[in-house]
């Protein structure tokens, strides 16, 4: 069998920046095969989308495991849907296993994810974070999947040296570090060695945690964020209480076929 595969750089309009994801629209249902394909692709995530009687279903795999929610690969999937599958459509509704229906809308060059907002609780194991990043956070929170650590400044975010062995002692999918930005409302980085990705370039799902926090802290609903990885990316976020809107651009790097 052969299937079309797309490599999309998400949360950017420039090649070789943003977060790359592989996207495959197919009839694949075997999770072991999907995991093998994701490992072969060796990108932070591969999205598999299956259509059944007009309803689309999505699953995300890192090279090591299945992921409950992935923003950039959903954005990439929507880019493929709007440009190659159903170019006449402006809304992409896709069903996920653990997060229900996810909606992506298209507005000119921007794609907007509509995701459930995270619920934060104070995280009191500050010493674990300090061991992992070499700095004591101002405050820390635990969300659904990730731990959020707030640091003093954008420079602190940029200059972090992470001890990944220590980071693995924290019970979470990944660690988000964030501060108020110099030129953006807030900035962040995201580290997730437990999923096989030491640092994720741009993490849409992490902004379901970040947006509610910074919306309350800055007393504004619409925020522009930057993720300060080497590749970098910009996200346009809106706090809608129980939902978080995350917008960004995407660009095509590769269209090809896989043979399995």
C-alpha atoms as a PDB file:
ATOM      1  CA  UNK A   1       0.000   0.000   0.000  1.00  0.00           C
ATOM      2  CA  UNK A   2       1.064   3.570  -0.575  1.00  0.00           C
ATOM      3  CA  UNK A   3      -0.167   6.741   1.120  1.00  0.00           C
ATOM      4  CA  UNK A   4       0.393  10.444   0.615  1.00  0.00           C
ATOM      5  CA  UNK A   5       2.517  12.079   3.295  1.00  0.00           C
ATOM      6  CA  UNK A   6       3.038  15.772   3.951  1.00  0.00           C
ATOM      7  CA  UNK A   7       5.709  17.513   6.007  1.00  0.00           C
ATOM      8  CA  UNK A   8       4.394  20.841   7.268  1.00  0.00           C
ATOM      9  CA  UNK A   9       6.201  23.540   9.244  1.00  0.00           C
ATOM     10  CA  UNK A  10       3.584  24.791  11.724  1.00  0.00           C
ATOM     11  CA  UNK A  11       3.309  28.153  13.502  1.00  0.00           C
ATOM     12  CA  UNK A  12       5.427  29.845  10.849  1.00  0.00           C
ATOM     13  CA  UNK A  13       5.309  31.032   7.259  1.00  0.00           C
ATOM     14  CA  UNK A  14       9.045  30.468   6.727  1.00  0.00           C
ATOM     15  CA  UNK A  15      10.576  27.110   5.880  1.00  0.00           C
ATOM     16  CA  UNK A  16      13.010  25.624   8.392  1.00  0.00           C
ATOM     17  CA  UNK A  17      11.355  27.441  11.294  1.00  0.00           C
ATOM     18  CA  UNK A  18       8.306  26.605  13.410  1.00  0.00           C
ATOM     19  CA  UNK A  19       7.542  23.011  14.314  1.00  0.00           C
ATOM     20  CA  UNK A  20       7.602  20.319  11.608  1.00  0.00           C
ATOM     21  CA  UNK A  21       4.929  17.629  11.615  1.00  0.00           C
ATOM     22  CA  UNK A  22       4.141  14.753   9.301  1.00  0.00           C
ATOM     23  CA  UNK A  23       0.514  14.414   8.197  1.00  0.00           C
ATOM     24  CA  UNK A  24      -1.068  11.299   6.698  1.00  0.00           C
ATOM     25  CA  UNK A  25      -4.719  11.113   5.612  1.00  0.00           C
ATOM     26  CA  UNK A  26      -5.410   7.381   5.248  1.00  0.00           C
ATOM     27  CA  UNK A  27      -7.490   4.392   6.322  1.00  0.00           C
ATOM     28  CA  UNK A  28      -4.839   3.188   8.785  1.00  0.00           C
ATOM     29  CA  UNK A  29      -6.192   1.917  12.106  1.00  0.00           C
ATOM     30  CA  UNK A  30      -3.360  -0.255  13.499  1.00  0.00           C
ATOM     31  CA  UNK A  31      -1.650   1.721  16.299  1.00  0.00           C
ATOM     32  CA  UNK A  32       1.484  -0.443  16.121  1.00  0.00           C
ATOM     33  CA  UNK A  33       1.901   0.409  12.437  1.00  0.00           C
ATOM     34  CA  UNK A  34       1.239   4.081  13.099  1.00  0.00           C
ATOM     35  CA  UNK A  35       3.873   4.034  15.827  1.00  0.00           C
ATOM     36  CA  UNK A  36       6.391   2.452  13.451  1.00  0.00           C
ATOM     37  CA  UNK A  37       5.683   5.098  10.809  1.00  0.00           C
ATOM     38  CA  UNK A  38       6.088   7.890  13.370  1.00  0.00           C
ATOM     39  CA  UNK A  39       9.387   6.393  14.523  1.00  0.00           C
ATOM     40  CA  UNK A  40      10.568   6.178  10.921  1.00  0.00           C
ATOM     41  CA  UNK A  41       9.585   9.811  10.293  1.00  0.00           C
ATOM     42  CA  UNK A  42      11.439  10.796  13.483  1.00  0.00           C
ATOM     43  CA  UNK A  43       9.647  14.133  13.802  1.00  0.00           C
ATOM     44  CA  UNK A  44       8.240  15.306  17.110  1.00  0.00           C
ATOM     45  CA  UNK A  45       4.770  14.217  15.936  1.00  0.00           C
ATOM     46  CA  UNK A  46       3.070  12.450  13.075  1.00  0.00           C
ATOM     47  CA  UNK A  47      -0.686  12.996  12.702  1.00  0.00           C
ATOM     48  CA  UNK A  48      -2.885  10.271  11.243  1.00  0.00           C
ATOM     49  CA  UNK A  49      -6.320  11.336  10.025  1.00  0.00           C
ATOM     50  CA  UNK A  50      -8.969   8.822   9.004  1.00  0.00           C
ATOM     51  CA  UNK A  51     -12.280   9.690   7.337  1.00  0.00           C
ATOM     52  CA  UNK A  52     -15.374   7.569   8.009  1.00  0.00           C
ATOM     53  CA  UNK A  53     -18.719   8.609   6.501  1.00  0.00           C
ATOM     54  CA  UNK A  54     -17.696  12.249   6.368  1.00  0.00           C
ATOM     55  CA  UNK A  55     -16.338  12.312   9.942  1.00  0.00           C
ATOM     56  CA  UNK A  56     -12.605  12.802  10.487  1.00  0.00           C
ATOM     57  CA  UNK A  57     -10.667  11.152  13.320  1.00  0.00           C
ATOM     58  CA  UNK A  58      -7.141  12.112  14.405  1.00  0.00           C
ATOM     59  CA  UNK A  59      -4.354  10.421  16.361  1.00  0.00           C
ATOM     60  CA  UNK A  60      -0.877  11.767  17.123  1.00  0.00           C
ATOM     61  CA  UNK A  61       2.319   9.774  17.619  1.00  0.00           C
ATOM     62  CA  UNK A  62       5.785  10.887  18.676  1.00  0.00           C
ATOM     63  CA  UNK A  63       8.688   8.603  17.704  1.00  0.00           C
ATOM     64  CA  UNK A  64       8.186   6.811  21.040  1.00  0.00           C
ATOM     65  CA  UNK A  65       4.517   6.896  22.017  1.00  0.00           C
ATOM     66  CA  UNK A  66       0.995   8.045  21.255  1.00  0.00           C
ATOM     67  CA  UNK A  67       0.183  11.611  22.376  1.00  0.00           C
ATOM     68  CA  UNK A  68      -3.165  12.682  23.874  1.00  0.00           C
ATOM     69  CA  UNK A  69      -3.197  16.148  22.307  1.00  0.00           C
ATOM     70  CA  UNK A  70      -0.901  17.908  19.835  1.00  0.00           C
ATOM     71  CA  UNK A  71      -1.478  21.450  18.637  1.00  0.00           C
ATOM     72  CA  UNK A  72       1.114  21.891  15.917  1.00  0.00           C
ATOM     73  CA  UNK A  73       0.312  18.573  14.219  1.00  0.00           C
ATOM     74  CA  UNK A  74      -3.403  19.463  14.292  1.00  0.00           C
ATOM     75  CA  UNK A  75      -2.592  22.834  12.709  1.00  0.00           C
ATOM     76  CA  UNK A  76      -0.491  21.018  10.106  1.00  0.00           C
ATOM     77  CA  UNK A  77      -3.342  18.571   9.451  1.00  0.00           C
ATOM     78  CA  UNK A  78      -5.749  21.452   8.916  1.00  0.00           C
ATOM     79  CA  UNK A  79      -3.305  23.043   6.468  1.00  0.00           C
ATOM     80  CA  UNK A  80      -3.295  19.814   4.439  1.00  0.00           C
ATOM     81  CA  UNK A  81      -7.090  19.528   4.669  1.00  0.00           C
ATOM     82  CA  UNK A  82      -7.687  23.080   3.437  1.00  0.00           C
ATOM     83  CA  UNK A  83      -5.073  22.961   0.682  1.00  0.00           C
ATOM     84  CA  UNK A  84      -5.200  19.375  -0.583  1.00  0.00           C
ATOM     85  CA  UNK A  85      -8.268  17.497   0.706  1.00  0.00           C
ATOM     86  CA  UNK A  86     -11.201  19.937   0.810  1.00  0.00           C
ATOM     87  CA  UNK A  87     -10.012  23.345  -0.469  1.00  0.00           C
ATOM     88  CA  UNK A  88     -13.598  24.621  -0.613  1.00  0.00           C
ATOM     89  CA  UNK A  89     -13.984  24.253   3.181  1.00  0.00           C
ATOM     90  CA  UNK A  90     -13.201  26.872   5.837  1.00  0.00           C
ATOM     91  CA  UNK A  91     -13.722  24.707   8.944  1.00  0.00           C
ATOM     92  CA  UNK A  92     -12.034  21.418   9.825  1.00  0.00           C
ATOM     93  CA  UNK A  93     -13.749  19.408  12.573  1.00  0.00           C
ATOM     94  CA  UNK A  94     -11.789  16.398  13.750  1.00  0.00           C
ATOM     95  CA  UNK A  95     -12.533  13.892  16.508  1.00  0.00           C
ATOM     96  CA  UNK A  96      -9.821  12.934  19.008  1.00  0.00           C
ATOM     97  CA  UNK A  97      -9.811  10.006  21.413  1.00  0.00           C
ATOM     98  CA  UNK A  98      -9.451  11.965  24.675  1.00  0.00           C
ATOM     99  CA  UNK A  99     -10.346  15.578  23.836  1.00  0.00           C
ATOM    100  CA  UNK A 100     -13.541  15.256  21.835  1.00  0.00           C
ATOM    101  CA  UNK A 101     -14.142  17.357  18.735  1.00  0.00           C
ATOM    102  CA  UNK A 102     -11.388  19.801  17.849  1.00  0.00           C
ATOM    103  CA  UNK A 103     -12.215  22.618  15.443  1.00  0.00           C
ATOM    104  CA  UNK A 104      -9.792  24.459  13.183  1.00  0.00           C
ATOM    105  CA  UNK A 105     -10.941  27.492  11.204  1.00  0.00           C
ATOM    106  CA  UNK A 106      -9.188  29.240   8.347  1.00  0.00           C
ATOM    107  CA  UNK A 107      -8.979  33.028   8.125  1.00  0.00           C
ATOM    108  CA  UNK A 108      -6.752  34.041   5.222  1.00  0.00           C
ATOM    109  CA  UNK A 109      -3.243  32.779   6.091  1.00  0.00           C
ATOM    110  CA  UNK A 110      -4.031  32.090   9.734  1.00  0.00           C
ATOM    111  CA  UNK A 111      -5.383  28.819  11.087  1.00  0.00           C
ATOM    112  CA  UNK A 112      -7.097  28.856  14.480  1.00  0.00           C
ATOM    113  CA  UNK A 113      -7.247  25.839  16.785  1.00  0.00           C
ATOM    114  CA  UNK A 114     -10.149  25.615  19.245  1.00  0.00           C
ATOM    115  CA  UNK A 115      -8.899  23.468  22.144  1.00  0.00           C
ATOM    116  CA  UNK A 116     -10.115  22.788  25.695  1.00  0.00           C
ATOM    117  CA  UNK A 117      -8.382  25.034  28.241  1.00  0.00           C
ATOM    118  CA  UNK A 118      -6.154  23.448  30.847  1.00  0.00           C
ATOM    119  CA  UNK A 119      -6.946  23.601  34.557  1.00  0.00           C
ATOM    120  CA  UNK A 120      -3.990  24.597  36.748  1.00  0.00           C
ATOM    121  CA  UNK A 121      -3.152  23.624  40.294  1.00  0.00           C
ATOM    122  CA  UNK A 122      -0.196  24.782  42.356  1.00  0.00           C
ATOM    123  CA  UNK A 123       2.839  22.520  42.036  1.00  0.00           C
ATOM    124  CA  UNK A 124       4.843  22.402  45.242  1.00  0.00           C
ATOM    125  CA  UNK A 125       7.825  20.279  44.145  1.00  0.00           C
ATOM    126  CA  UNK A 126       9.840  23.379  43.298  1.00  0.00           C
ATOM    127  CA  UNK A 127      13.126  21.664  44.145  1.00  0.00           C
ATOM    128  CA  UNK A 128      12.608  19.182  41.296  1.00  0.00           C
ATOM    129  CA  UNK A 129      12.227  22.025  38.811  1.00  0.00           C
ATOM    130  CA  UNK A 130      15.249  23.838  40.239  1.00  0.00           C
ATOM    131  CA  UNK A 131      17.345  20.690  39.834  1.00  0.00           C
ATOM    132  CA  UNK A 132      16.242  20.337  36.213  1.00  0.00           C
ATOM    133  CA  UNK A 133      16.785  23.928  35.041  1.00  0.00           C
ATOM    134  CA  UNK A 134      19.235  25.373  37.566  1.00  0.00           C
ATOM    135  CA  UNK A 135      16.866  28.197  38.535  1.00  0.00           C
ATOM    136  CA  UNK A 136      14.163  28.547  41.165  1.00  0.00           C
ATOM    137  CA  UNK A 137      10.857  29.494  39.501  1.00  0.00           C
ATOM    138  CA  UNK A 138       8.721  32.343  40.804  1.00  0.00           C
ATOM    139  CA  UNK A 139       5.789  29.940  40.910  1.00  0.00           C
ATOM    140  CA  UNK A 140       4.832  26.604  39.387  1.00  0.00           C
ATOM    141  CA  UNK A 141       1.641  24.824  38.403  1.00  0.00           C
ATOM    142  CA  UNK A 142       0.537  21.357  37.303  1.00  0.00           C
ATOM    143  CA  UNK A 143      -1.887  21.053  34.436  1.00  0.00           C
ATOM    144  CA  UNK A 144      -3.477  18.066  32.761  1.00  0.00           C
ATOM    145  CA  UNK A 145      -0.229  16.799  31.234  1.00  0.00           C
ATOM    146  CA  UNK A 146       2.503  19.322  31.904  1.00  0.00           C
ATOM    147  CA  UNK A 147       4.183  21.347  34.628  1.00  0.00           C
ATOM    148  CA  UNK A 148       4.420  25.120  34.122  1.00  0.00           C
ATOM    149  CA  UNK A 149       7.305  27.055  35.706  1.00  0.00           C
ATOM    150  CA  UNK A 150       7.263  30.863  35.670  1.00  0.00           C
ATOM    151  CA  UNK A 151      10.676  32.544  35.489  1.00  0.00           C
ATOM    152  CA  UNK A 152      11.863  36.110  36.047  1.00  0.00           C
ATOM    153  CA  UNK A 153      12.665  37.208  32.500  1.00  0.00           C
ATOM    154  CA  UNK A 154      12.890  36.409  28.822  1.00  0.00           C
ATOM    155  CA  UNK A 155      16.677  36.222  29.154  1.00  0.00           C
ATOM    156  CA  UNK A 156      16.290  33.488  31.765  1.00  0.00           C
ATOM    157  CA  UNK A 157      14.121  31.517  29.313  1.00  0.00           C
ATOM    158  CA  UNK A 158      16.599  31.956  26.446  1.00  0.00           C
ATOM    159  CA  UNK A 159      19.671  30.963  28.454  1.00  0.00           C
ATOM    160  CA  UNK A 160      18.397  27.842  30.207  1.00  0.00           C
ATOM    161  CA  UNK A 161      20.596  24.783  30.475  1.00  0.00           C
ATOM    162  CA  UNK A 162      18.373  21.796  31.158  1.00  0.00           C
ATOM    163  CA  UNK A 163      19.436  18.649  32.987  1.00  0.00           C
ATOM    164  CA  UNK A 164      17.216  16.111  31.240  1.00  0.00           C
ATOM    165  CA  UNK A 165      18.024  13.314  33.681  1.00  0.00           C
ATOM    166  CA  UNK A 166      16.695  15.489  36.517  1.00  0.00           C
ATOM    167  CA  UNK A 167      13.739  16.585  34.395  1.00  0.00           C
ATOM    168  CA  UNK A 168      12.706  12.956  34.002  1.00  0.00           C
ATOM    169  CA  UNK A 169      12.165  12.810  37.772  1.00  0.00           C
ATOM    170  CA  UNK A 170       9.161  15.143  37.392  1.00  0.00           C
ATOM    171  CA  UNK A 171       5.915  13.248  36.817  1.00  0.00           C
ATOM    172  CA  UNK A 172       4.643  14.988  33.680  1.00  0.00           C
ATOM    173  CA  UNK A 173       4.573  14.840  29.895  1.00  0.00           C
ATOM    174  CA  UNK A 174       6.779  17.918  29.720  1.00  0.00           C
ATOM    175  CA  UNK A 175       8.006  21.054  31.431  1.00  0.00           C
ATOM    176  CA  UNK A 176       6.869  24.470  30.182  1.00  0.00           C
ATOM    177  CA  UNK A 177       9.030  27.421  31.210  1.00  0.00           C
ATOM    178  CA  UNK A 178       7.598  30.878  30.628  1.00  0.00           C
ATOM    179  CA  UNK A 179       7.977  34.561  31.402  1.00  0.00           C
ATOM    180  CA  UNK A 180       6.573  37.878  30.319  1.00  0.00           C
ATOM    181  CA  UNK A 181       8.056  38.802  26.950  1.00  0.00           C
ATOM    182  CA  UNK A 182      10.020  41.805  25.796  1.00  0.00           C
ATOM    183  CA  UNK A 183       8.309  42.095  22.405  1.00  0.00           C
ATOM    184  CA  UNK A 184       5.486  39.597  22.943  1.00  0.00           C
ATOM    185  CA  UNK A 185       2.926  39.231  25.710  1.00  0.00           C
ATOM    186  CA  UNK A 186       4.718  36.114  26.913  1.00  0.00           C
ATOM    187  CA  UNK A 187       7.432  33.718  25.810  1.00  0.00           C
ATOM    188  CA  UNK A 188       8.091  30.071  26.561  1.00  0.00           C
ATOM    189  CA  UNK A 189      10.065  26.912  25.895  1.00  0.00           C
ATOM    190  CA  UNK A 190       8.887  23.312  26.213  1.00  0.00           C
ATOM    191  CA  UNK A 191      10.929  20.245  27.190  1.00  0.00           C
ATOM    192  CA  UNK A 192       9.513  16.722  26.898  1.00  0.00           C
ATOM    193  CA  UNK A 193      12.203  14.026  27.005  1.00  0.00           C
ATOM    194  CA  UNK A 194       9.613  11.505  28.244  1.00  0.00           C
ATOM    195  CA  UNK A 195       8.031  11.586  24.765  1.00  0.00           C
ATOM    196  CA  UNK A 196      11.361  11.346  22.967  1.00  0.00           C
ATOM    197  CA  UNK A 197      11.612  15.098  22.279  1.00  0.00           C
ATOM    198  CA  UNK A 198      14.137  16.930  24.450  1.00  0.00           C
ATOM    199  CA  UNK A 199      12.889  20.350  23.300  1.00  0.00           C
ATOM    200  CA  UNK A 200       9.808  20.834  21.157  1.00  0.00           C
ATOM    201  CA  UNK A 201      10.208  23.742  18.696  1.00  0.00           C
ATOM    202  CA  UNK A 202       6.658  25.153  19.005  1.00  0.00           C
ATOM    203  CA  UNK A 203       4.011  23.516  21.182  1.00  0.00           C
ATOM    204  CA  UNK A 204       0.379  24.382  20.486  1.00  0.00           C
ATOM    205  CA  UNK A 205      -1.044  22.222  23.274  1.00  0.00           C
ATOM    206  CA  UNK A 206       1.198  23.897  25.871  1.00  0.00           C
ATOM    207  CA  UNK A 207      -0.600  27.147  25.085  1.00  0.00           C
ATOM    208  CA  UNK A 208      -3.822  25.703  26.475  1.00  0.00           C
ATOM    209  CA  UNK A 209      -1.910  25.932  29.769  1.00  0.00           C
ATOM    210  CA  UNK A 210      -0.072  29.180  29.094  1.00  0.00           C
ATOM    211  CA  UNK A 211      -2.963  31.235  27.722  1.00  0.00           C
ATOM    212  CA  UNK A 212      -5.278  30.991  30.758  1.00  0.00           C
ATOM    213  CA  UNK A 213      -2.364  31.805  33.086  1.00  0.00           C
ATOM    214  CA  UNK A 214      -1.123  34.853  31.183  1.00  0.00           C
ATOM    215  CA  UNK A 215      -4.631  36.065  30.364  1.00  0.00           C
ATOM    216  CA  UNK A 216      -5.353  36.325  34.075  1.00  0.00           C
ATOM    217  CA  UNK A 217      -1.910  37.685  34.941  1.00  0.00           C
ATOM    218  CA  UNK A 218      -1.927  40.399  32.236  1.00  0.00           C
ATOM    219  CA  UNK A 219      -5.695  41.028  32.382  1.00  0.00           C
ATOM    220  CA  UNK A 220      -6.208  40.622  28.643  1.00  0.00           C
ATOM    221  CA  UNK A 221      -7.979  38.005  26.537  1.00  0.00           C
ATOM    222  CA  UNK A 222      -6.003  38.255  23.296  1.00  0.00           C
ATOM    223  CA  UNK A 223      -2.283  37.590  23.496  1.00  0.00           C
ATOM    224  CA  UNK A 224       0.624  37.136  21.105  1.00  0.00           C
ATOM    225  CA  UNK A 225       3.206  34.590  22.198  1.00  0.00           C
ATOM    226  CA  UNK A 226       6.603  33.415  21.001  1.00  0.00           C
ATOM    227  CA  UNK A 227       8.266  30.091  21.661  1.00  0.00           C
ATOM    228  CA  UNK A 228      12.016  30.618  21.954  1.00  0.00           C
ATOM    229  CA  UNK A 229      13.402  27.360  20.635  1.00  0.00           C
ATOM    230  CA  UNK A 230      16.118  27.417  17.981  1.00  0.00           C
ATOM    231  CA  UNK A 231      13.503  27.173  15.221  1.00  0.00           C
ATOM    232  CA  UNK A 232      11.031  29.456  17.002  1.00  0.00           C
ATOM    233  CA  UNK A 233       7.409  30.295  16.258  1.00  0.00           C
ATOM    234  CA  UNK A 234       4.648  32.822  16.904  1.00  0.00           C
ATOM    235  CA  UNK A 235       1.178  32.018  18.243  1.00  0.00           C
ATOM    236  CA  UNK A 236      -1.950  34.177  18.423  1.00  0.00           C
ATOM    237  CA  UNK A 237      -3.901  33.148  21.509  1.00  0.00           C
ATOM    238  CA  UNK A 238      -7.323  33.971  22.922  1.00  0.00           C
ATOM    239  CA  UNK A 239      -8.649  33.007  26.338  1.00  0.00           C
ATOM    240  CA  UNK A 240     -12.315  31.985  26.088  1.00  0.00           C
ATOM    241  CA  UNK A 241     -12.608  30.541  29.613  1.00  0.00           C
ATOM    242  CA  UNK A 242     -13.221  26.834  28.981  1.00  0.00           C
ATOM    243  CA  UNK A 243     -11.700  26.990  25.499  1.00  0.00           C
ATOM    244  CA  UNK A 244      -8.415  28.352  24.197  1.00  0.00           C
ATOM    245  CA  UNK A 245      -8.013  29.636  20.643  1.00  0.00           C
ATOM    246  CA  UNK A 246      -4.503  29.215  19.233  1.00  0.00           C
ATOM    247  CA  UNK A 247      -3.709  30.725  15.853  1.00  0.00           C
ATOM    248  CA  UNK A 248      -0.743  30.413  13.574  1.00  0.00           C
ATOM    249  CA  UNK A 249       0.496  30.037  10.038  1.00  0.00           C
ATOM    250  CA  UNK A 250       1.862  26.957   8.290  1.00  0.00           C
ATOM    251  CA  UNK A 251       3.878  26.148   5.201  1.00  0.00           C
ATOM    252  CA  UNK A 252       4.485  23.053   3.082  1.00  0.00           C
ATOM    253  CA  UNK A 253       7.958  21.516   3.044  1.00  0.00           C
ATOM    254  CA  UNK A 254       7.356  18.124   1.429  1.00  0.00           C
ATOM    255  CA  UNK A 255       4.656  16.094  -0.314  1.00  0.00           C
ATOM    256  CA  UNK A 256       5.443  12.500  -1.116  1.00  0.00           C
ATOM    257  CA  UNK A 257       4.385   8.898  -0.614  1.00  0.00           C
ATOM    258  CA  UNK A 258       5.155   6.168   1.862  1.00  0.00           C
ATOM    259  CA  UNK A 259       5.095   2.484   0.875  1.00  0.00           C
ATOM    260  CA  UNK A 260       4.087  -0.037   3.539  1.00  0.00           C
END
